[in-house]
Amino acid sequence: LIIGSGPAGYTAAIYAARADLNPVLYQGMEPGGQLTTTTEVENYPGYPDGKTGPEMMEDFMNQAKRFKTDIRNGFVTKVDFT
């Protein structure tokens, strides 16, 4: 279970999916996280010409989907780690 769909959430989903762990990712209030409010990202590896935050998060989401991550809309209100 991955809570949040910012860069860390999608990265975790991609690694978990590639390891055949069948991850479920909840997007929460802001799909793509705070990066979706960023106009230009110019210092992220792999994007030599820069990208907007929303474009980058779309790329992350598409890559997670490619590896069969179950992406859901909704909120996680309680977690029991026992």
PDB file of N, CA and C in Angstrom:
ATOM      1  N   LEU A   1       0.850  -1.171   0.000  1.00  0.00           N
ATOM      2  CA  LEU A   1       0.000   0.000   0.000  1.00  0.00           C
ATOM      3  C   LEU A   1       0.894   1.231   0.000  1.00  0.00           C
ATOM      4  N   ILE A   2       0.672   2.112  -0.957  1.00  0.00           N
ATOM      5  CA  ILE A   2       1.442   3.345  -1.070  1.00  0.00           C
ATOM      6  C   ILE A   2       0.465   4.500  -0.940  1.00  0.00           C
ATOM      7  N   ILE A   3       0.734   5.372   0.018  1.00  0.00           N
ATOM      8  CA  ILE A   3      -0.146   6.500   0.279  1.00  0.00           C
ATOM      9  C   ILE A   3       0.523   7.758  -0.265  1.00  0.00           C
ATOM     10  N   GLY A   4      -0.049   8.324  -1.311  1.00  0.00           N
ATOM     11  CA  GLY A   4       0.483   9.538  -1.911  1.00  0.00           C
ATOM     12  C   GLY A   4       1.021   9.289  -3.300  1.00  0.00           C
ATOM     13  N   SER A   5       0.812  10.288  -4.166  1.00  0.00           N
ATOM     14  CA  SER A   5       1.200  10.118  -5.568  1.00  0.00           C
ATOM     15  C   SER A   5       2.163  11.198  -6.030  1.00  0.00           C
ATOM     16  N   GLY A   6       3.024  11.624  -5.129  1.00  0.00           N
ATOM     17  CA  GLY A   6       4.100  12.520  -5.528  1.00  0.00           C
ATOM     18  C   GLY A   6       5.246  11.697  -6.097  1.00  0.00           C
ATOM     19  N   PRO A   7       6.390  12.319  -6.341  1.00  0.00           N
ATOM     20  CA  PRO A   7       7.532  11.587  -6.906  1.00  0.00           C
ATOM     21  C   PRO A   7       7.930  10.354  -6.088  1.00  0.00           C
ATOM     22  N   ALA A   8       7.929  10.472  -4.760  1.00  0.00           N
ATOM     23  CA  ALA A   8       8.320   9.329  -3.923  1.00  0.00           C
ATOM     24  C   ALA A   8       7.302   8.200  -4.025  1.00  0.00           C
ATOM     25  N   GLY A   9       6.019   8.550  -4.027  1.00  0.00           N
ATOM     26  CA  GLY A   9       4.983   7.526  -4.121  1.00  0.00           C
ATOM     27  C   GLY A   9       5.053   6.764  -5.426  1.00  0.00           C
ATOM     28  N   TYR A  10       5.175   7.484  -6.529  1.00  0.00           N
ATOM     29  CA  TYR A  10       5.247   6.804  -7.820  1.00  0.00           C
ATOM     30  C   TYR A  10       6.541   6.006  -7.963  1.00  0.00           C
ATOM     31  N   THR A  11       7.639   6.515  -7.426  1.00  0.00           N
ATOM     32  CA  THR A  11       8.898   5.759  -7.480  1.00  0.00           C
ATOM     33  C   THR A  11       8.765   4.463  -6.699  1.00  0.00           C
ATOM     34  N   ALA A  12       8.168   4.539  -5.509  1.00  0.00           N
ATOM     35  CA  ALA A  12       7.942   3.319  -4.720  1.00  0.00           C
ATOM     36  C   ALA A  12       7.051   2.343  -5.483  1.00  0.00           C
ATOM     37  N   ALA A  13       6.027   2.861  -6.137  1.00  0.00           N
ATOM     38  CA  ALA A  13       5.109   2.007  -6.900  1.00  0.00           C
ATOM     39  C   ALA A  13       5.832   1.311  -8.045  1.00  0.00           C
ATOM     40  N   ILE A  14       6.676   2.033  -8.743  1.00  0.00           N
ATOM     41  CA  ILE A  14       7.409   1.452  -9.877  1.00  0.00           C
ATOM     42  C   ILE A  14       8.327   0.332  -9.398  1.00  0.00           C
ATOM     43  N   TYR A  15       9.089   0.584  -8.321  1.00  0.00           N
ATOM     44  CA  TYR A  15       9.997  -0.449  -7.800  1.00  0.00           C
ATOM     45  C   TYR A  15       9.214  -1.645  -7.276  1.00  0.00           C
ATOM     46  N   ALA A  16       8.120  -1.397  -6.554  1.00  0.00           N
ATOM     47  CA  ALA A  16       7.320  -2.501  -6.019  1.00  0.00           C
ATOM     48  C   ALA A  16       6.686  -3.323  -7.142  1.00  0.00           C
ATOM     49  N   ALA A  17       6.181  -2.649  -8.147  1.00  0.00           N
ATOM     50  CA  ALA A  17       5.554  -3.359  -9.265  1.00  0.00           C
ATOM     51  C   ALA A  17       6.572  -4.190 -10.035  1.00  0.00           C
ATOM     52  N   ARG A  18       7.763  -3.647 -10.225  1.00  0.00           N
ATOM     53  CA  ARG A  18       8.795  -4.410 -10.939  1.00  0.00           C
ATOM     54  C   ARG A  18       9.240  -5.627 -10.150  1.00  0.00           C
ATOM     55  N   ALA A  19       9.036  -5.587  -8.828  1.00  0.00           N
ATOM     56  CA  ALA A  19       9.369  -6.731  -7.971  1.00  0.00           C
ATOM     57  C   ALA A  19       8.173  -7.671  -7.802  1.00  0.00           C
ATOM     58  N   ASP A  20       7.136  -7.469  -8.621  1.00  0.00           N
ATOM     59  CA  ASP A  20       5.916  -8.294  -8.591  1.00  0.00           C
ATOM     60  C   ASP A  20       5.224  -8.279  -7.233  1.00  0.00           C
ATOM     61  N   LEU A  21       5.197  -7.117  -6.577  1.00  0.00           N
ATOM     62  CA  LEU A  21       4.549  -6.990  -5.277  1.00  0.00           C
ATOM     63  C   LEU A  21       3.112  -6.472  -5.376  1.00  0.00           C
ATOM     64  N   ASN A  22       2.625  -6.231  -6.588  1.00  0.00           N
ATOM     65  CA  ASN A  22       1.246  -5.784  -6.832  1.00  0.00           C
ATOM     66  C   ASN A  22       0.858  -4.564  -5.986  1.00  0.00           C
ATOM     67  N   PRO A  23       1.562  -3.452  -6.144  1.00  0.00           N
ATOM     68  CA  PRO A  23       1.278  -2.296  -5.298  1.00  0.00           C
ATOM     69  C   PRO A  23      -0.067  -1.635  -5.606  1.00  0.00           C
ATOM     70  N   VAL A  24      -0.655  -1.083  -4.546  1.00  0.00           N
ATOM     71  CA  VAL A  24      -1.857  -0.263  -4.644  1.00  0.00           C
ATOM     72  C   VAL A  24      -1.436   1.131  -4.185  1.00  0.00           C
ATOM     73  N   LEU A  25      -1.674   2.132  -5.016  1.00  0.00           N
ATOM     74  CA  LEU A  25      -1.301   3.503  -4.704  1.00  0.00           C
ATOM     75  C   LEU A  25      -2.558   4.355  -4.600  1.00  0.00           C
ATOM     76  N   TYR A  26      -2.705   5.055  -3.479  1.00  0.00           N
ATOM     77  CA  TYR A  26      -3.818   5.996  -3.311  1.00  0.00           C
ATOM     78  C   TYR A  26      -3.317   7.396  -3.607  1.00  0.00           C
ATOM     79  N   GLN A  27      -4.002   8.069  -4.539  1.00  0.00           N
ATOM     80  CA  GLN A  27      -3.558   9.391  -4.972  1.00  0.00           C
ATOM     81  C   GLN A  27      -3.846  10.488  -3.971  1.00  0.00           C
ATOM     82  N   GLY A  28      -4.920  10.402  -3.241  1.00  0.00           N
ATOM     83  CA  GLY A  28      -5.236  11.423  -2.259  1.00  0.00           C
ATOM     84  C   GLY A  28      -5.794  12.694  -2.868  1.00  0.00           C
ATOM     85  N   MET A  29      -5.620  13.783  -2.143  1.00  0.00           N
ATOM     86  CA  MET A  29      -6.240  15.057  -2.498  1.00  0.00           C
ATOM     87  C   MET A  29      -5.666  15.669  -3.782  1.00  0.00           C
ATOM     88  N   GLU A  30      -4.383  15.550  -3.981  1.00  0.00           N
ATOM     89  CA  GLU A  30      -3.719  16.197  -5.123  1.00  0.00           C
ATOM     90  C   GLU A  30      -2.968  15.141  -5.931  1.00  0.00           C
ATOM     91  N   PRO A  31      -3.621  14.500  -6.927  1.00  0.00           N
ATOM     92  CA  PRO A  31      -2.900  13.514  -7.729  1.00  0.00           C
ATOM     93  C   PRO A  31      -1.635  14.123  -8.331  1.00  0.00           C
ATOM     94  N   GLY A  32      -0.517  13.476  -8.068  1.00  0.00           N
ATOM     95  CA  GLY A  32       0.759  13.999  -8.530  1.00  0.00           C
ATOM     96  C   GLY A  32       1.499  14.786  -7.475  1.00  0.00           C
ATOM     97  N   GLY A  33       0.855  15.047  -6.355  1.00  0.00           N
ATOM     98  CA  GLY A  33       1.505  15.746  -5.258  1.00  0.00           C
ATOM     99  C   GLY A  33       1.774  17.216  -5.556  1.00  0.00           C
ATOM    100  N   GLN A  34       2.580  17.816  -4.737  1.00  0.00           N
ATOM    101  CA  GLN A  34       2.859  19.247  -4.860  1.00  0.00           C
ATOM    102  C   GLN A  34       3.612  19.602  -6.141  1.00  0.00           C
ATOM    103  N   LEU A  35       4.262  18.634  -6.734  1.00  0.00           N
ATOM    104  CA  LEU A  35       5.001  18.925  -7.965  1.00  0.00           C
ATOM    105  C   LEU A  35       4.072  19.385  -9.081  1.00  0.00           C
ATOM    106  N   THR A  36       2.794  19.058  -8.989  1.00  0.00           N
ATOM    107  CA  THR A  36       1.853  19.488 -10.025  1.00  0.00           C
ATOM    108  C   THR A  36       1.634  20.999 -10.001  1.00  0.00           C
ATOM    109  N   THR A  37       2.057  21.666  -8.939  1.00  0.00           N
ATOM    110  CA  THR A  37       1.914  23.125  -8.866  1.00  0.00           C
ATOM    111  C   THR A  37       3.185  23.842  -9.296  1.00  0.00           C
ATOM    112  N   THR A  38       4.185  23.096  -9.716  1.00  0.00           N
ATOM    113  CA  THR A  38       5.471  23.672 -10.129  1.00  0.00           C
ATOM    114  C   THR A  38       5.459  23.925 -11.635  1.00  0.00           C
ATOM    115  N   THR A  39       5.809  25.139 -12.015  1.00  0.00           N
ATOM    116  CA  THR A  39       5.739  25.477 -13.435  1.00  0.00           C
ATOM    117  C   THR A  39       6.883  24.888 -14.244  1.00  0.00           C
ATOM    118  N   GLU A  40       8.084  24.884 -13.729  1.00  0.00           N
ATOM    119  CA  GLU A  40       9.221  24.378 -14.501  1.00  0.00           C
ATOM    120  C   GLU A  40      10.174  23.622 -13.584  1.00  0.00           C
ATOM    121  N   VAL A  41      10.482  22.378 -13.942  1.00  0.00           N
ATOM    122  CA  VAL A  41      11.441  21.564 -13.210  1.00  0.00           C
ATOM    123  C   VAL A  41      12.656  21.406 -14.117  1.00  0.00           C
ATOM    124  N   GLU A  42      13.756  21.987 -13.730  1.00  0.00           N
ATOM    125  CA  GLU A  42      14.950  21.984 -14.589  1.00  0.00           C
ATOM    126  C   GLU A  42      16.132  21.235 -13.989  1.00  0.00           C
ATOM    127  N   ASN A  43      15.976  20.696 -12.792  1.00  0.00           N
ATOM    128  CA  ASN A  43      17.115  20.066 -12.119  1.00  0.00           C
ATOM    129  C   ASN A  43      16.871  18.595 -11.789  1.00  0.00           C
ATOM    130  N   TYR A  44      16.015  17.929 -12.576  1.00  0.00           N
ATOM    131  CA  TYR A  44      15.726  16.526 -12.312  1.00  0.00           C
ATOM    132  C   TYR A  44      16.423  15.669 -13.355  1.00  0.00           C
ATOM    133  N   PRO A  45      17.176  14.645 -12.933  1.00  0.00           N
ATOM    134  CA  PRO A  45      17.886  13.795 -13.895  1.00  0.00           C
ATOM    135  C   PRO A  45      16.924  13.157 -14.899  1.00  0.00           C
ATOM    136  N   GLY A  46      17.364  13.084 -16.130  1.00  0.00           N
ATOM    137  CA  GLY A  46      16.568  12.450 -17.175  1.00  0.00           C
ATOM    138  C   GLY A  46      15.717  13.422 -17.969  1.00  0.00           C
ATOM    139  N   TYR A  47      15.676  14.659 -17.539  1.00  0.00           N
ATOM    140  CA  TYR A  47      14.916  15.696 -18.239  1.00  0.00           C
ATOM    141  C   TYR A  47      15.857  16.859 -18.567  1.00  0.00           C
ATOM    142  N   PRO A  48      16.750  16.680 -19.520  1.00  0.00           N
ATOM    143  CA  PRO A  48      17.766  17.698 -19.789  1.00  0.00           C
ATOM    144  C   PRO A  48      17.203  19.036 -20.258  1.00  0.00           C
ATOM    145  N   ASP A  49      16.010  19.031 -20.840  1.00  0.00           N
ATOM    146  CA  ASP A  49      15.414  20.280 -21.313  1.00  0.00           C
ATOM    147  C   ASP A  49      14.367  20.825 -20.345  1.00  0.00           C
ATOM    148  N   GLY A  50      14.218  20.175 -19.204  1.00  0.00           N
ATOM    149  CA  GLY A  50      13.218  20.587 -18.229  1.00  0.00           C
ATOM    150  C   GLY A  50      11.821  20.122 -18.618  1.00  0.00           C
ATOM    151  N   LYS A  51      10.932  20.174 -17.677  1.00  0.00           N
ATOM    152  CA  LYS A  51       9.530  19.780 -17.863  1.00  0.00           C
ATOM    153  C   LYS A  51       8.720  20.579 -16.864  1.00  0.00           C
ATOM    154  N   THR A  52       7.438  20.698 -17.121  1.00  0.00           N
ATOM    155  CA  THR A  52       6.579  21.270 -16.091  1.00  0.00           C
ATOM    156  C   THR A  52       6.286  20.170 -15.067  1.00  0.00           C
ATOM    157  N   GLY A  53       5.932  20.569 -13.863  1.00  0.00           N
ATOM    158  CA  GLY A  53       5.600  19.597 -12.831  1.00  0.00           C
ATOM    159  C   GLY A  53       4.483  18.661 -13.248  1.00  0.00           C
ATOM    160  N   PRO A  54       3.373  19.187 -13.781  1.00  0.00           N
ATOM    161  CA  PRO A  54       2.299  18.290 -14.208  1.00  0.00           C
ATOM    162  C   PRO A  54       2.728  17.299 -15.300  1.00  0.00           C
ATOM    163  N   GLU A  55       3.557  17.743 -16.244  1.00  0.00           N
ATOM    164  CA  GLU A  55       4.036  16.827 -17.292  1.00  0.00           C
ATOM    165  C   GLU A  55       4.888  15.713 -16.691  1.00  0.00           C
ATOM    166  N   MET A  56       5.751  16.080 -15.757  1.00  0.00           N
ATOM    167  CA  MET A  56       6.624  15.096 -15.134  1.00  0.00           C
ATOM    168  C   MET A  56       5.800  14.067 -14.351  1.00  0.00           C
ATOM    169  N   MET A  57       4.805  14.527 -13.616  1.00  0.00           N
ATOM    170  CA  MET A  57       4.007  13.597 -12.830  1.00  0.00           C
ATOM    171  C   MET A  57       3.156  12.699 -13.729  1.00  0.00           C
ATOM    172  N   GLU A  58       2.759  13.207 -14.868  1.00  0.00           N
ATOM    173  CA  GLU A  58       2.060  12.369 -15.852  1.00  0.00           C
ATOM    174  C   GLU A  58       2.988  11.252 -16.334  1.00  0.00           C
ATOM    175  N   ASP A  59       4.260  11.590 -16.584  1.00  0.00           N
ATOM    176  CA  ASP A  59       5.244  10.573 -16.973  1.00  0.00           C
ATOM    177  C   ASP A  59       5.400   9.520 -15.880  1.00  0.00           C
ATOM    178  N   PHE A  60       5.522   9.967 -14.627  1.00  0.00           N
ATOM    179  CA  PHE A  60       5.676   9.040 -13.505  1.00  0.00           C
ATOM    180  C   PHE A  60       4.458   8.110 -13.420  1.00  0.00           C
ATOM    181  N   MET A  61       3.261   8.680 -13.526  1.00  0.00           N
ATOM    182  CA  MET A  61       2.045   7.886 -13.432  1.00  0.00           C
ATOM    183  C   MET A  61       1.978   6.863 -14.567  1.00  0.00           C
ATOM    184  N   ASN A  62       2.305   7.287 -15.775  1.00  0.00           N
ATOM    185  CA  ASN A  62       2.263   6.370 -16.912  1.00  0.00           C
ATOM    186  C   ASN A  62       3.256   5.228 -16.752  1.00  0.00           C
ATOM    187  N   GLN A  63       4.419   5.514 -16.189  1.00  0.00           N
ATOM    188  CA  GLN A  63       5.397   4.451 -15.969  1.00  0.00           C
ATOM    189  C   GLN A  63       4.898   3.483 -14.895  1.00  0.00           C
ATOM    190  N   ALA A  64       4.294   4.002 -13.839  1.00  0.00           N
ATOM    191  CA  ALA A  64       3.731   3.122 -12.800  1.00  0.00           C
ATOM    192  C   ALA A  64       2.618   2.250 -13.383  1.00  0.00           C
ATOM    193  N   LYS A  65       1.774   2.836 -14.210  1.00  0.00           N
ATOM    194  CA  LYS A  65       0.701   2.061 -14.855  1.00  0.00           C
ATOM    195  C   LYS A  65       1.273   0.992 -15.782  1.00  0.00           C
ATOM    196  N   ARG A  66       2.356   1.323 -16.450  1.00  0.00           N
ATOM    197  CA  ARG A  66       2.984   0.367 -17.374  1.00  0.00           C
ATOM    198  C   ARG A  66       3.364  -0.926 -16.657  1.00  0.00           C
ATOM    199  N   PHE A  67       3.737  -0.800 -15.380  1.00  0.00           N
ATOM    200  CA  PHE A  67       4.114  -1.975 -14.604  1.00  0.00           C
ATOM    201  C   PHE A  67       2.946  -2.510 -13.767  1.00  0.00           C
ATOM    202  N   LYS A  68       1.730  -2.078 -14.116  1.00  0.00           N
ATOM    203  CA  LYS A  68       0.493  -2.618 -13.530  1.00  0.00           C
ATOM    204  C   LYS A  68       0.247  -2.197 -12.080  1.00  0.00           C
ATOM    205  N   THR A  69       0.695  -1.005 -11.698  1.00  0.00           N
ATOM    206  CA  THR A  69       0.336  -0.474 -10.385  1.00  0.00           C
ATOM    207  C   THR A  69      -1.164  -0.195 -10.360  1.00  0.00           C
ATOM    208  N   ASP A  70      -1.819  -0.581  -9.296  1.00  0.00           N
ATOM    209  CA  ASP A  70      -3.246  -0.317  -9.100  1.00  0.00           C
ATOM    210  C   ASP A  70      -3.355   1.086  -8.494  1.00  0.00           C
ATOM    211  N   ILE A  71      -3.701   2.066  -9.308  1.00  0.00           N
ATOM    212  CA  ILE A  71      -3.779   3.459  -8.867  1.00  0.00           C
ATOM    213  C   ILE A  71      -5.234   3.792  -8.572  1.00  0.00           C
ATOM    214  N   ARG A  72      -5.477   4.244  -7.342  1.00  0.00           N
ATOM    215  CA  ARG A  72      -6.844   4.526  -6.909  1.00  0.00           C
ATOM    216  C   ARG A  72      -6.982   5.970  -6.436  1.00  0.00           C
ATOM    217  N   ASN A  73      -8.156   6.504  -6.637  1.00  0.00           N
ATOM    218  CA  ASN A  73      -8.488   7.816  -6.077  1.00  0.00           C
ATOM    219  C   ASN A  73      -9.082   7.587  -4.699  1.00  0.00           C
ATOM    220  N   GLY A  74      -8.772   8.470  -3.780  1.00  0.00           N
ATOM    221  CA  GLY A  74      -9.358   8.331  -2.452  1.00  0.00           C
ATOM    222  C   GLY A  74      -8.385   8.745  -1.377  1.00  0.00           C
ATOM    223  N   PHE A  75      -8.861   8.657  -0.152  1.00  0.00           N
ATOM    224  CA  PHE A  75      -8.076   9.074   1.001  1.00  0.00           C
ATOM    225  C   PHE A  75      -7.886   7.900   1.942  1.00  0.00           C
ATOM    226  N   VAL A  76      -6.727   7.815   2.528  1.00  0.00           N
ATOM    227  CA  VAL A  76      -6.470   6.842   3.576  1.00  0.00           C
ATOM    228  C   VAL A  76      -6.643   7.597   4.884  1.00  0.00           C
ATOM    229  N   THR A  77      -7.576   7.163   5.695  1.00  0.00           N
ATOM    230  CA  THR A  77      -7.872   7.881   6.934  1.00  0.00           C
ATOM    231  C   THR A  77      -7.337   7.175   8.169  1.00  0.00           C
ATOM    232  N   LYS A  78      -6.974   5.894   8.007  1.00  0.00           N
ATOM    233  CA  LYS A  78      -6.482   5.146   9.158  1.00  0.00           C
ATOM    234  C   LYS A  78      -5.619   3.999   8.662  1.00  0.00           C
ATOM    235  N   VAL A  79      -4.523   3.749   9.372  1.00  0.00           N
ATOM    236  CA  VAL A  79      -3.644   2.634   9.042  1.00  0.00           C
ATOM    237  C   VAL A  79      -3.321   1.906  10.333  1.00  0.00           C
ATOM    238  N   ASP A  80      -3.447   0.599  10.314  1.00  0.00           N
ATOM    239  CA  ASP A  80      -3.110  -0.220  11.483  1.00  0.00           C
ATOM    240  C   ASP A  80      -1.860  -1.014  11.147  1.00  0.00           C
ATOM    241  N   PHE A  81      -0.746  -0.685  11.763  1.00  0.00           N
ATOM    242  CA  PHE A  81       0.529  -1.337  11.482  1.00  0.00           C
ATOM    243  C   PHE A  81       0.813  -2.532  12.400  1.00  0.00           C
ATOM    244  N   THR A  82      -0.189  -2.946  13.185  1.00  0.00           N
ATOM    245  CA  THR A  82       0.058  -4.063  14.103  1.00  0.00           C
ATOM    246  C   THR A  82      -0.026  -5.390  13.407  1.00  0.00           C
TER     247      THR A  82
END
